[in-house]
Amino acid sequence: SNLVGHFFKIMSFGLIYLALVRSGLTQPYSILFKSLKDSEEKYQTFFNNAQVGLFRSRLSDGKPLEVNGLCVALAGYSSSDECLNQYDMNENHLLRHAYKKLSPDIEATGMVNNRECHIPREDGTSLWVNMSGSLSMDGKSIEGAVVDISERKFQESAQACQLRLIDFTANHNVTDLLQEFLDEAETLT
């Protein structure tokens, strides 16, 4: 039994060597930075699955460095590579307008919250967006979010139109009311 104990002791030292020393020498970074890798995977999952358009752009010129799928769709592109590559060639790029609207305040205060803007898209159409952004930790880029609020803005315009028409009916005849109704409908559409 004493001899068997010594064999198990030698075998346990061999296994400890394999587990700690050998793996620590051949793959030291995978052991040391496992939590960093896990954190990066969580960030990428969050970034790609967010329900708002997320972007990161250079502070110096606004060139987008990273965009998620919803931001690509809001900008009117089919892929993130196309969205990133078209920035220099397209004056109506959504992120170019976002940079113009956000960068002065971000440089001054470090962040911007809930800036509503009417922005053109790549295909020539336009939409209302709510943008927020802040300076990144390294101070070299802007990290921000873009939310499409076009439907809400249309509803607000329609409600304002209804109120104007109600006020108009008090002092005008039916012919004037019909003309005003047509004018308001043209403005909305």
Protein backbone atom coordinates (compact mmCIF):
# COMPACT_ATOMS: atom_id res chain seq x y z
CA SER A 1 0.00 0.00 0.00
CA ASN A 2 2.97 2.31 0.65
CA LEU A 3 4.28 1.69 -2.87
CA VAL A 4 0.85 2.40 -4.41
CA GLY A 5 0.67 5.68 -2.43
CA HIS A 6 4.02 6.79 -3.88
CA PHE A 7 2.82 5.99 -7.41
CA PHE A 8 -0.34 8.05 -6.85
CA LYS A 9 1.76 10.89 -5.44
CA ILE A 10 4.04 10.88 -8.53
CA MET A 11 0.99 10.71 -10.78
CA SER A 12 -0.65 13.65 -8.94
CA PHE A 13 2.50 15.77 -9.36
CA GLY A 14 2.45 14.93 -13.08
CA LEU A 15 -1.18 15.96 -13.41
CA ILE A 16 -0.56 19.21 -11.48
CA TYR A 17 2.34 19.89 -13.83
CA LEU A 18 0.10 19.32 -16.86
CA ALA A 19 -2.74 21.41 -15.48
CA LEU A 20 -0.87 24.44 -14.17
CA VAL A 21 2.64 24.69 -15.45
CA ARG A 22 2.29 23.33 -18.97
CA SER A 23 -1.00 25.10 -19.80
CA GLY A 24 0.24 28.25 -18.04
CA LEU A 25 3.34 28.31 -20.23
CA THR A 26 1.81 27.30 -23.54
CA GLN A 27 -1.44 29.32 -23.26
CA PRO A 28 -0.84 32.02 -20.65
CA TYR A 29 -3.04 34.67 -22.26
CA SER A 30 -6.07 32.44 -22.57
CA ILE A 31 -5.98 31.81 -18.82
CA LEU A 32 -5.20 35.40 -17.81
CA PHE A 33 -7.65 37.09 -20.16
CA LYS A 34 -10.60 34.69 -20.09
CA SER A 35 -12.83 37.23 -18.32
CA LEU A 36 -11.83 39.91 -20.84
CA LYS A 37 -12.81 37.62 -23.71
CA ASP A 38 -16.13 36.81 -22.02
CA SER A 39 -16.79 40.52 -21.51
CA GLU A 40 -16.03 41.25 -25.17
CA GLU A 41 -18.44 38.52 -26.29
CA LYS A 42 -21.18 39.97 -24.07
CA TYR A 43 -20.55 43.45 -25.52
CA GLN A 44 -20.75 42.19 -29.11
CA THR A 45 -23.98 40.33 -28.39
CA PHE A 46 -25.51 43.42 -26.78
CA PHE A 47 -24.27 45.71 -29.56
CA ASN A 48 -25.56 43.53 -32.39
CA ASN A 49 -28.96 42.76 -30.80
CA ALA A 50 -29.82 46.23 -29.47
CA GLN A 51 -33.25 47.62 -30.36
CA VAL A 52 -31.75 51.02 -31.23
CA GLY A 53 -29.19 52.01 -33.83
CA LEU A 54 -25.76 52.11 -32.20
CA PHE A 55 -22.62 53.60 -33.69
CA ARG A 56 -19.07 54.59 -32.83
CA SER A 57 -17.37 57.32 -34.89
CA ARG A 58 -14.01 59.09 -34.84
CA LEU A 59 -14.22 62.41 -33.04
CA SER A 60 -11.84 64.14 -35.46
CA ASP A 61 -13.83 63.65 -38.70
CA GLY A 62 -16.93 61.61 -37.86
CA LYS A 63 -15.83 58.54 -39.84
CA PRO A 64 -17.89 55.60 -38.51
CA LEU A 65 -15.82 52.85 -36.94
CA GLU A 66 -18.60 50.48 -35.92
CA VAL A 67 -22.36 50.26 -36.54
CA ASN A 68 -24.99 47.72 -35.59
CA GLY A 69 -27.67 46.28 -37.86
CA LEU A 70 -30.43 48.68 -36.88
CA CYS A 71 -28.22 51.71 -37.53
CA VAL A 72 -27.40 50.27 -40.97
CA ALA A 73 -31.12 49.88 -41.71
CA LEU A 74 -31.92 53.42 -40.53
CA ALA A 75 -29.17 54.80 -42.78
CA GLY A 76 -30.72 52.91 -45.71
CA TYR A 77 -27.92 50.44 -46.45
CA SER A 78 -28.02 46.67 -46.79
CA SER A 79 -24.85 45.79 -44.88
CA SER A 80 -22.57 47.31 -42.27
CA ASP A 81 -19.59 47.22 -44.65
CA GLU A 82 -21.55 49.19 -47.25
CA CYS A 83 -22.65 51.69 -44.57
CA LEU A 84 -19.08 52.17 -43.32
CA ASN A 85 -17.54 52.42 -46.81
CA GLN A 86 -20.12 54.85 -48.23
CA TYR A 87 -19.49 57.48 -45.54
CA ASP A 88 -16.82 59.36 -47.52
CA MET A 89 -18.79 59.26 -50.78
CA ASN A 90 -22.31 60.16 -49.65
CA GLU A 91 -23.17 63.64 -48.39
CA ASN A 92 -26.59 62.39 -47.21
CA HIS A 93 -25.14 59.66 -44.99
CA LEU A 94 -27.12 59.46 -41.74
CA LEU A 95 -23.96 59.27 -39.64
CA ARG A 96 -22.50 62.36 -41.35
CA HIS A 97 -25.55 64.33 -40.23
CA ALA A 98 -25.41 62.73 -36.78
CA TYR A 99 -21.77 63.82 -36.45
CA LYS A 100 -22.59 67.39 -37.52
CA LYS A 101 -25.43 67.61 -34.99
CA LEU A 102 -23.68 65.91 -32.05
CA SER A 103 -19.96 66.76 -32.23
CA PRO A 104 -20.02 70.45 -31.18
CA ASP A 105 -21.92 69.69 -27.97
CA ILE A 106 -19.97 66.50 -27.27
CA GLU A 107 -16.66 68.36 -27.60
CA ALA A 108 -17.97 71.06 -25.25
CA THR A 109 -19.82 69.01 -22.61
CA GLY A 110 -18.88 65.38 -23.26
CA MET A 111 -22.40 64.20 -24.06
CA VAL A 112 -25.71 64.96 -25.80
CA ASN A 113 -29.10 63.49 -24.86
CA ASN A 114 -32.30 63.34 -26.90
CA ARG A 115 -31.46 65.56 -29.87
CA GLU A 116 -34.31 65.35 -32.39
CA CYS A 117 -33.27 65.90 -36.00
CA HIS A 118 -34.75 65.52 -39.47
CA ILE A 119 -32.11 63.62 -41.45
CA PRO A 120 -31.92 62.49 -45.09
CA ARG A 121 -31.15 58.86 -45.90
CA GLU A 122 -29.00 57.23 -48.57
CA ASP A 123 -31.97 56.64 -50.89
CA GLY A 124 -33.10 60.29 -50.82
CA THR A 125 -35.93 59.84 -48.32
CA SER A 126 -35.70 61.36 -44.88
CA LEU A 127 -36.69 60.47 -41.35
CA TRP A 128 -36.92 61.97 -37.91
CA VAL A 129 -34.46 60.53 -35.40
CA ASN A 130 -33.71 61.00 -31.75
CA MET A 131 -29.95 60.92 -31.16
CA SER A 132 -27.86 60.65 -28.04
CA GLY A 133 -24.12 60.37 -27.78
CA SER A 134 -21.10 60.75 -25.57
CA LEU A 135 -17.35 60.89 -25.72
CA SER A 136 -15.71 57.47 -25.40
CA MET A 137 -13.40 56.62 -22.52
CA ASP A 138 -10.30 57.13 -24.65
CA GLY A 139 -11.56 60.56 -25.81
CA LYS A 140 -10.97 59.78 -29.48
CA SER A 141 -14.43 58.68 -30.58
CA ILE A 142 -18.15 59.34 -30.19
CA GLU A 143 -20.42 56.53 -29.08
CA GLY A 144 -24.08 57.09 -29.77
CA ALA A 145 -27.57 55.79 -30.36
CA VAL A 146 -30.12 56.66 -33.04
CA VAL A 147 -33.86 55.95 -32.74
CA ASP A 148 -36.40 56.42 -35.54
CA ILE A 149 -39.19 58.72 -34.32
CA SER A 150 -40.76 59.45 -37.73
CA GLU A 151 -44.09 57.85 -36.81
CA ARG A 152 -44.36 59.88 -33.62
CA LYS A 153 -43.53 63.12 -35.47
CA PHE A 154 -46.18 62.33 -38.09
CA GLN A 155 -48.76 61.74 -35.35
CA GLU A 156 -47.84 65.07 -33.74
CA SER A 157 -48.22 66.85 -37.08
CA ALA A 158 -51.60 65.21 -37.67
CA GLN A 159 -52.83 66.27 -34.23
CA ALA A 160 -51.62 69.84 -34.76
CA CYS A 161 -53.41 69.85 -38.13
CA GLN A 162 -56.66 68.72 -36.50
CA LEU A 163 -56.44 71.52 -33.94
CA ARG A 164 -55.80 74.13 -36.64
CA LEU A 165 -58.80 72.90 -38.64
CA ILE A 166 -61.06 72.96 -35.58
CA ASP A 167 -60.01 76.56 -34.87
CA PHE A 168 -60.49 77.45 -38.55
CA THR A 169 -64.10 76.20 -38.62
CA ALA A 170 -65.26 78.78 -36.06
CA ASN A 171 -64.81 81.80 -38.34
CA HIS A 172 -65.00 80.49 -41.94
CA ASN A 173 -67.54 79.06 -44.35
CA VAL A 174 -67.59 75.53 -45.84
CA THR A 175 -65.74 76.50 -49.04
CA ASP A 176 -62.88 78.07 -47.11
CA LEU A 177 -62.84 75.06 -44.76
CA LEU A 178 -62.55 72.62 -47.67
CA GLN A 179 -59.69 74.64 -49.18
CA GLU A 180 -57.92 74.77 -45.82
CA PHE A 181 -58.47 71.01 -45.38
CA LEU A 182 -56.85 70.34 -48.78
CA ASP A 183 -53.94 72.64 -47.94
CA GLU A 184 -53.34 70.86 -44.61
CA ALA A 185 -53.58 67.42 -46.27
CA GLU A 186 -51.00 68.52 -48.86
CA THR A 187 -48.69 69.76 -46.11
CA LEU A 188 -48.96 66.44 -44.24
CA THR A 189 -48.30 64.32 -47.29
